[in-house]
Amino acid sequence: MMPTIKAKDIKDADDMLGSGVRKVALPENIDSDDFFRLASHWCERGAKVSLKEGRFVVSIKGMAIPPND
């Protein structure tokens, strides 16, 4: 089971997901516009959003990270 990393803010969550972290708990104080923007962006790329222990968690499975050429 992969660990869930807690993001301190929406930018932190987006940066972590972009860098390859596969499971990120969103901050509790996220506003609805930021939540839907982030969810839409990552769900288009195959992520799933769930509610665990009172926090929204964005999970990415099997997403390949392109090499740094």
N, C-alpha and C. Protein backbone atom coordinates (compact mmCIF):
# COMPACT_ATOMS: atom_id res chain seq x y z
N MET A 1 0.85 -1.18 0.00
CA MET A 1 0.00 0.00 0.00
C MET A 1 0.89 1.24 0.00
N MET A 2 0.57 2.17 -0.87
CA MET A 2 1.39 3.38 -0.97
C MET A 2 1.00 4.39 0.11
N PRO A 3 2.00 5.12 0.63
CA PRO A 3 1.70 6.11 1.66
C PRO A 3 0.97 7.32 1.09
N THR A 4 0.16 7.95 1.93
CA THR A 4 -0.53 9.17 1.55
C THR A 4 0.23 10.35 2.13
N ILE A 5 0.61 11.29 1.28
CA ILE A 5 1.35 12.48 1.70
C ILE A 5 0.35 13.63 1.83
N LYS A 6 0.40 14.36 2.94
CA LYS A 6 -0.51 15.48 3.15
C LYS A 6 0.08 16.76 2.56
N ALA A 7 -0.70 17.41 1.72
CA ALA A 7 -0.29 18.68 1.12
C ALA A 7 -0.64 19.82 2.06
N LYS A 8 0.23 20.85 2.11
CA LYS A 8 -0.05 21.99 2.98
C LYS A 8 -0.94 23.02 2.30
N ASP A 9 -0.94 23.04 0.95
CA ASP A 9 -1.81 23.94 0.20
C ASP A 9 -2.02 23.36 -1.21
N ILE A 10 -2.81 24.03 -2.01
CA ILE A 10 -3.17 23.50 -3.33
C ILE A 10 -1.96 23.43 -4.26
N LYS A 11 -1.08 24.41 -4.19
CA LYS A 11 0.12 24.41 -5.03
C LYS A 11 1.02 23.23 -4.65
N ASP A 12 1.15 22.99 -3.36
CA ASP A 12 1.95 21.86 -2.87
C ASP A 12 1.38 20.55 -3.41
N ALA A 13 0.06 20.39 -3.37
CA ALA A 13 -0.59 19.18 -3.88
C ALA A 13 -0.32 19.00 -5.37
N ASP A 14 -0.47 20.07 -6.13
CA ASP A 14 -0.25 20.00 -7.57
C ASP A 14 1.21 19.68 -7.88
N ASP A 15 2.13 20.31 -7.16
CA ASP A 15 3.56 20.04 -7.36
C ASP A 15 3.91 18.59 -7.04
N MET A 16 3.37 18.08 -5.94
CA MET A 16 3.66 16.69 -5.56
C MET A 16 3.13 15.71 -6.60
N LEU A 17 1.91 15.92 -7.06
CA LEU A 17 1.34 15.03 -8.07
C LEU A 17 2.16 15.11 -9.36
N GLY A 18 2.59 16.30 -9.72
CA GLY A 18 3.39 16.48 -10.92
C GLY A 18 4.78 15.87 -10.83
N SER A 19 5.28 15.72 -9.61
CA SER A 19 6.62 15.16 -9.44
C SER A 19 6.61 13.65 -9.25
N GLY A 20 5.42 13.05 -9.26
CA GLY A 20 5.37 11.59 -9.20
C GLY A 20 4.82 11.00 -7.91
N VAL A 21 4.47 11.82 -6.92
CA VAL A 21 3.83 11.29 -5.71
C VAL A 21 2.48 10.74 -6.13
N ARG A 22 2.19 9.52 -5.76
CA ARG A 22 1.00 8.84 -6.27
C ARG A 22 -0.26 9.02 -5.41
N LYS A 23 -0.11 9.46 -4.16
CA LYS A 23 -1.28 9.61 -3.29
C LYS A 23 -1.10 10.85 -2.43
N VAL A 24 -1.95 11.86 -2.67
CA VAL A 24 -1.83 13.14 -1.97
C VAL A 24 -3.16 13.49 -1.30
N ALA A 25 -3.09 13.78 0.01
CA ALA A 25 -4.27 14.25 0.75
C ALA A 25 -4.31 15.77 0.61
N LEU A 26 -5.43 16.28 0.14
CA LEU A 26 -5.58 17.72 -0.06
C LEU A 26 -5.77 18.42 1.27
N PRO A 27 -5.40 19.70 1.35
CA PRO A 27 -5.57 20.43 2.61
C PRO A 27 -7.05 20.57 2.95
N GLU A 28 -7.32 20.65 4.24
CA GLU A 28 -8.71 20.76 4.70
C GLU A 28 -9.35 22.09 4.32
N ASN A 29 -8.55 23.13 4.15
CA ASN A 29 -9.09 24.47 3.90
C ASN A 29 -9.14 24.82 2.41
N ILE A 30 -9.13 23.83 1.54
CA ILE A 30 -9.16 24.08 0.09
C ILE A 30 -10.53 24.65 -0.30
N ASP A 31 -10.52 25.67 -1.15
CA ASP A 31 -11.82 26.21 -1.58
C ASP A 31 -12.33 25.42 -2.79
N SER A 32 -13.60 25.57 -3.07
CA SER A 32 -14.24 24.73 -4.10
C SER A 32 -13.65 24.97 -5.49
N ASP A 33 -13.32 26.21 -5.83
CA ASP A 33 -12.74 26.48 -7.15
C ASP A 33 -11.41 25.77 -7.33
N ASP A 34 -10.54 25.86 -6.32
CA ASP A 34 -9.24 25.18 -6.39
C ASP A 34 -9.42 23.67 -6.43
N PHE A 35 -10.34 23.15 -5.63
CA PHE A 35 -10.58 21.71 -5.61
C PHE A 35 -10.99 21.22 -7.00
N PHE A 36 -11.98 21.87 -7.61
CA PHE A 36 -12.48 21.40 -8.90
C PHE A 36 -11.45 21.60 -10.01
N ARG A 37 -10.67 22.66 -9.94
CA ARG A 37 -9.61 22.88 -10.92
C ARG A 37 -8.56 21.76 -10.84
N LEU A 38 -8.11 21.45 -9.62
CA LEU A 38 -7.11 20.39 -9.43
C LEU A 38 -7.70 19.03 -9.79
N ALA A 39 -8.91 18.74 -9.34
CA ALA A 39 -9.54 17.45 -9.63
C ALA A 39 -9.74 17.26 -11.13
N SER A 40 -10.19 18.28 -11.80
CA SER A 40 -10.42 18.19 -13.24
C SER A 40 -9.10 17.92 -13.97
N HIS A 41 -8.07 18.67 -13.61
CA HIS A 41 -6.76 18.53 -14.25
C HIS A 41 -6.21 17.11 -14.07
N TRP A 42 -6.24 16.60 -12.85
CA TRP A 42 -5.63 15.30 -12.59
C TRP A 42 -6.52 14.13 -12.98
N CYS A 43 -7.84 14.29 -12.89
CA CYS A 43 -8.73 13.20 -13.31
C CYS A 43 -8.68 12.99 -14.82
N GLU A 44 -8.42 14.05 -15.58
CA GLU A 44 -8.23 13.90 -17.02
C GLU A 44 -7.01 13.04 -17.32
N ARG A 45 -6.09 12.96 -16.38
CA ARG A 45 -4.86 12.19 -16.54
C ARG A 45 -4.93 10.83 -15.85
N GLY A 46 -6.13 10.44 -15.44
CA GLY A 46 -6.32 9.11 -14.88
C GLY A 46 -6.36 9.02 -13.37
N ALA A 47 -6.31 10.14 -12.67
CA ALA A 47 -6.35 10.12 -11.21
C ALA A 47 -7.79 9.88 -10.73
N LYS A 48 -7.88 9.45 -9.48
CA LYS A 48 -9.18 9.28 -8.82
C LYS A 48 -9.16 10.09 -7.54
N VAL A 49 -10.33 10.65 -7.19
CA VAL A 49 -10.47 11.43 -5.96
C VAL A 49 -11.39 10.66 -5.03
N SER A 50 -10.96 10.50 -3.78
CA SER A 50 -11.78 9.82 -2.79
C SER A 50 -11.75 10.62 -1.49
N LEU A 51 -12.66 10.28 -0.59
CA LEU A 51 -12.72 10.94 0.71
C LEU A 51 -12.28 9.92 1.76
N LYS A 52 -11.17 10.22 2.44
CA LYS A 52 -10.64 9.32 3.47
C LYS A 52 -10.32 10.12 4.71
N GLU A 53 -10.91 9.70 5.82
CA GLU A 53 -10.67 10.34 7.12
C GLU A 53 -10.90 11.85 7.07
N GLY A 54 -11.95 12.25 6.37
CA GLY A 54 -12.33 13.66 6.32
C GLY A 54 -11.53 14.52 5.36
N ARG A 55 -10.64 13.92 4.57
CA ARG A 55 -9.84 14.68 3.60
C ARG A 55 -10.01 14.06 2.22
N PHE A 56 -10.00 14.92 1.21
CA PHE A 56 -10.00 14.42 -0.16
C PHE A 56 -8.59 13.95 -0.50
N VAL A 57 -8.51 12.77 -1.13
CA VAL A 57 -7.23 12.19 -1.51
C VAL A 57 -7.24 11.97 -3.02
N VAL A 58 -6.19 12.47 -3.69
CA VAL A 58 -6.02 12.26 -5.12
C VAL A 58 -5.02 11.13 -5.29
N SER A 59 -5.44 10.08 -6.01
CA SER A 59 -4.59 8.90 -6.22
C SER A 59 -4.35 8.70 -7.70
N ILE A 60 -3.10 8.44 -8.04
CA ILE A 60 -2.72 8.16 -9.42
C ILE A 60 -2.13 6.75 -9.45
N LYS A 61 -2.67 5.91 -10.31
CA LYS A 61 -2.16 4.55 -10.44
C LYS A 61 -1.62 4.33 -11.84
N GLY A 62 -0.45 3.77 -11.91
CA GLY A 62 0.10 3.37 -13.20
C GLY A 62 0.45 4.49 -14.14
N MET A 63 0.62 5.69 -13.63
CA MET A 63 0.96 6.82 -14.49
C MET A 63 2.47 6.84 -14.70
N ALA A 64 2.89 6.76 -15.92
CA ALA A 64 4.32 6.77 -16.24
C ALA A 64 4.85 8.19 -16.20
N ILE A 65 6.01 8.35 -15.60
CA ILE A 65 6.66 9.65 -15.56
C ILE A 65 7.66 9.71 -16.71
N PRO A 66 7.53 10.69 -17.59
CA PRO A 66 8.44 10.77 -18.73
C PRO A 66 9.87 11.04 -18.28
N PRO A 67 10.85 10.51 -19.01
CA PRO A 67 12.26 10.73 -18.63
C PRO A 67 12.68 12.17 -18.87
N ASN A 68 13.67 12.61 -18.13
CA ASN A 68 14.23 13.96 -18.29
C ASN A 68 15.35 13.90 -19.33
N ASP A 69 15.03 14.05 -20.57
CA ASP A 69 16.05 14.02 -21.63
C ASP A 69 16.53 15.39 -21.96
